[in-house]
Amino acid sequence: MTVVNKISNIVERMPRQKQDVLLALVELLVDDDFLTDEDLVDIKVSREEYARGEFVRHEDIDWD
């Protein structure tokens, strides 16, 4: 049985809530190799904007 099959079998037995948590974790671990060229450009631009201080802090947003 391949690693992918083993992982799939384990995930299928997990409760849905834990599957959602696992998905979020896996998405964090995914290398940039899985992103499109457009994604990579967007990430580069965003990082440059952040480095220049062009961002809004979460606590500065009026969520009401």
N, C-alpha and C. Protein backbone atom coordinates (compact mmCIF):
# COMPACT_ATOMS: atom_id res chain seq x y z
N MET A 1 0.86 -1.18 0.00
CA MET A 1 0.00 0.00 0.00
C MET A 1 0.90 1.24 0.00
N THR A 2 0.58 2.20 -0.84
CA THR A 2 1.39 3.42 -0.92
C THR A 2 1.12 4.34 0.26
N VAL A 3 1.98 5.29 0.44
CA VAL A 3 1.81 6.28 1.50
C VAL A 3 0.51 7.04 1.29
N VAL A 4 0.23 7.41 0.05
CA VAL A 4 -1.00 8.15 -0.26
C VAL A 4 -2.22 7.33 0.12
N ASN A 5 -2.20 6.04 -0.18
CA ASN A 5 -3.32 5.17 0.20
C ASN A 5 -3.47 5.07 1.71
N LYS A 6 -2.35 4.96 2.41
CA LYS A 6 -2.40 4.87 3.87
C LYS A 6 -2.98 6.14 4.46
N ILE A 7 -2.51 7.27 3.97
CA ILE A 7 -3.02 8.55 4.47
C ILE A 7 -4.50 8.68 4.17
N SER A 8 -4.90 8.31 2.97
CA SER A 8 -6.31 8.39 2.57
C SER A 8 -7.18 7.54 3.49
N ASN A 9 -6.74 6.34 3.79
CA ASN A 9 -7.51 5.46 4.66
C ASN A 9 -7.66 6.05 6.06
N ILE A 10 -6.60 6.64 6.57
CA ILE A 10 -6.66 7.25 7.90
C ILE A 10 -7.61 8.44 7.89
N VAL A 11 -7.48 9.30 6.89
CA VAL A 11 -8.32 10.50 6.82
C VAL A 11 -9.79 10.12 6.69
N GLU A 12 -10.09 9.11 5.92
CA GLU A 12 -11.48 8.68 5.75
C GLU A 12 -12.11 8.23 7.06
N ARG A 13 -11.31 7.77 8.01
CA ARG A 13 -11.84 7.32 9.30
C ARG A 13 -11.94 8.45 10.32
N MET A 14 -11.37 9.60 10.00
CA MET A 14 -11.37 10.74 10.94
C MET A 14 -12.72 11.45 10.91
N PRO A 15 -13.12 12.04 12.04
CA PRO A 15 -14.31 12.89 12.06
C PRO A 15 -14.09 14.10 11.15
N ARG A 16 -15.18 14.62 10.59
CA ARG A 16 -15.11 15.72 9.63
C ARG A 16 -14.35 16.93 10.19
N GLN A 17 -14.58 17.27 11.46
CA GLN A 17 -13.92 18.43 12.06
C GLN A 17 -12.40 18.26 12.03
N LYS A 18 -11.93 17.06 12.34
CA LYS A 18 -10.49 16.82 12.33
C LYS A 18 -9.96 16.81 10.89
N GLN A 19 -10.78 16.38 9.94
CA GLN A 19 -10.37 16.44 8.54
C GLN A 19 -10.15 17.89 8.12
N ASP A 20 -11.02 18.79 8.56
CA ASP A 20 -10.88 20.20 8.23
C ASP A 20 -9.57 20.78 8.81
N VAL A 21 -9.25 20.39 10.04
CA VAL A 21 -8.02 20.85 10.68
C VAL A 21 -6.81 20.30 9.92
N LEU A 22 -6.89 19.04 9.55
CA LEU A 22 -5.79 18.41 8.81
C LEU A 22 -5.59 19.09 7.45
N LEU A 23 -6.67 19.41 6.78
CA LEU A 23 -6.59 20.10 5.50
C LEU A 23 -5.87 21.44 5.65
N ALA A 24 -6.23 22.19 6.67
CA ALA A 24 -5.59 23.48 6.91
C ALA A 24 -4.09 23.30 7.15
N LEU A 25 -3.73 22.28 7.90
CA LEU A 25 -2.32 22.01 8.18
C LEU A 25 -1.58 21.63 6.90
N VAL A 26 -2.16 20.76 6.12
CA VAL A 26 -1.52 20.32 4.88
C VAL A 26 -1.35 21.50 3.92
N GLU A 27 -2.34 22.38 3.87
CA GLU A 27 -2.23 23.55 3.00
C GLU A 27 -1.07 24.44 3.42
N LEU A 28 -0.78 24.50 4.73
CA LEU A 28 0.37 25.27 5.21
C LEU A 28 1.69 24.64 4.80
N LEU A 29 1.69 23.33 4.67
CA LEU A 29 2.92 22.60 4.36
C LEU A 29 3.20 22.52 2.87
N VAL A 30 2.23 22.86 2.05
CA VAL A 30 2.41 22.72 0.61
C VAL A 30 3.47 23.70 0.13
N ASP A 31 4.38 23.19 -0.63
CA ASP A 31 5.47 23.98 -1.19
C ASP A 31 4.95 24.88 -2.30
N ASP A 32 5.67 25.94 -2.61
CA ASP A 32 5.28 26.84 -3.68
C ASP A 32 5.25 26.15 -5.03
N ASP A 33 5.84 24.97 -5.14
CA ASP A 33 5.84 24.24 -6.41
C ASP A 33 4.43 23.89 -6.86
N PHE A 34 3.49 23.88 -5.96
CA PHE A 34 2.13 23.50 -6.29
C PHE A 34 1.28 24.71 -6.68
N LEU A 35 1.87 25.88 -6.62
CA LEU A 35 1.14 27.09 -6.94
C LEU A 35 1.31 27.43 -8.41
N THR A 36 0.32 28.12 -8.96
CA THR A 36 0.42 28.56 -10.35
C THR A 36 1.40 29.72 -10.46
N ASP A 37 1.80 30.02 -11.68
CA ASP A 37 2.67 31.17 -11.89
C ASP A 37 2.01 32.46 -11.41
N GLU A 38 0.71 32.56 -11.64
CA GLU A 38 -0.04 33.74 -11.19
C GLU A 38 -0.03 33.83 -9.66
N ASP A 39 -0.20 32.69 -8.99
CA ASP A 39 -0.14 32.67 -7.53
C ASP A 39 1.21 33.17 -7.04
N LEU A 40 2.27 32.70 -7.68
CA LEU A 40 3.61 33.08 -7.25
C LEU A 40 3.85 34.57 -7.44
N VAL A 41 3.34 35.14 -8.52
CA VAL A 41 3.47 36.59 -8.75
C VAL A 41 2.71 37.34 -7.67
N ASP A 42 1.48 36.90 -7.37
CA ASP A 42 0.66 37.56 -6.34
C ASP A 42 1.35 37.51 -4.98
N ILE A 43 1.94 36.38 -4.65
CA ILE A 43 2.63 36.24 -3.38
C ILE A 43 3.84 37.16 -3.32
N LYS A 44 4.59 37.23 -4.41
CA LYS A 44 5.77 38.11 -4.48
C LYS A 44 5.36 39.57 -4.30
N VAL A 45 4.31 39.99 -4.99
CA VAL A 45 3.83 41.37 -4.88
C VAL A 45 3.37 41.65 -3.45
N SER A 46 2.65 40.71 -2.86
CA SER A 46 2.15 40.89 -1.50
C SER A 46 3.29 41.02 -0.50
N ARG A 47 4.31 40.20 -0.66
CA ARG A 47 5.46 40.25 0.25
C ARG A 47 6.19 41.59 0.10
N GLU A 48 6.31 42.06 -1.13
CA GLU A 48 6.96 43.36 -1.36
C GLU A 48 6.15 44.49 -0.73
N GLU A 49 4.84 44.45 -0.89
CA GLU A 49 3.98 45.48 -0.29
C GLU A 49 4.09 45.44 1.23
N TYR A 50 4.09 44.25 1.79
CA TYR A 50 4.22 44.10 3.24
C TYR A 50 5.56 44.67 3.72
N ALA A 51 6.62 44.38 2.98
CA ALA A 51 7.95 44.87 3.35
C ALA A 51 8.01 46.40 3.33
N ARG A 52 7.21 47.01 2.46
CA ARG A 52 7.17 48.48 2.38
C ARG A 52 6.20 49.07 3.40
N GLY A 53 5.56 48.22 4.18
CA GLY A 53 4.62 48.70 5.20
C GLY A 53 3.24 48.98 4.65
N GLU A 54 2.96 48.47 3.47
CA GLU A 54 1.65 48.69 2.84
C GLU A 54 0.69 47.58 3.24
N PHE A 55 0.16 47.71 4.44
CA PHE A 55 -0.80 46.73 4.93
C PHE A 55 -1.66 47.38 6.01
N VAL A 56 -2.75 46.72 6.33
CA VAL A 56 -3.64 47.17 7.41
C VAL A 56 -3.62 46.09 8.47
N ARG A 57 -3.33 46.50 9.70
CA ARG A 57 -3.32 45.53 10.80
C ARG A 57 -4.74 45.09 11.12
N HIS A 58 -4.88 43.87 11.52
CA HIS A 58 -6.19 43.30 11.86
C HIS A 58 -6.90 44.16 12.92
N GLU A 59 -6.17 44.58 13.92
CA GLU A 59 -6.79 45.34 15.01
C GLU A 59 -7.20 46.75 14.59
N ASP A 60 -6.72 47.21 13.44
CA ASP A 60 -7.10 48.54 12.96
C ASP A 60 -8.39 48.54 12.12
N ILE A 61 -8.94 47.39 11.87
CA ILE A 61 -10.15 47.29 11.07
C ILE A 61 -11.37 47.35 12.00
N ASP A 62 -12.33 48.18 11.65
CA ASP A 62 -13.58 48.28 12.41
C ASP A 62 -14.53 47.23 11.87
N TRP A 63 -14.60 46.11 12.56
CA TRP A 63 -15.39 44.97 12.09
C TRP A 63 -16.87 45.12 12.37
N ASP A 64 -17.27 46.18 13.04
CA ASP A 64 -18.70 46.36 13.38
C ASP A 64 -19.46 47.05 12.28
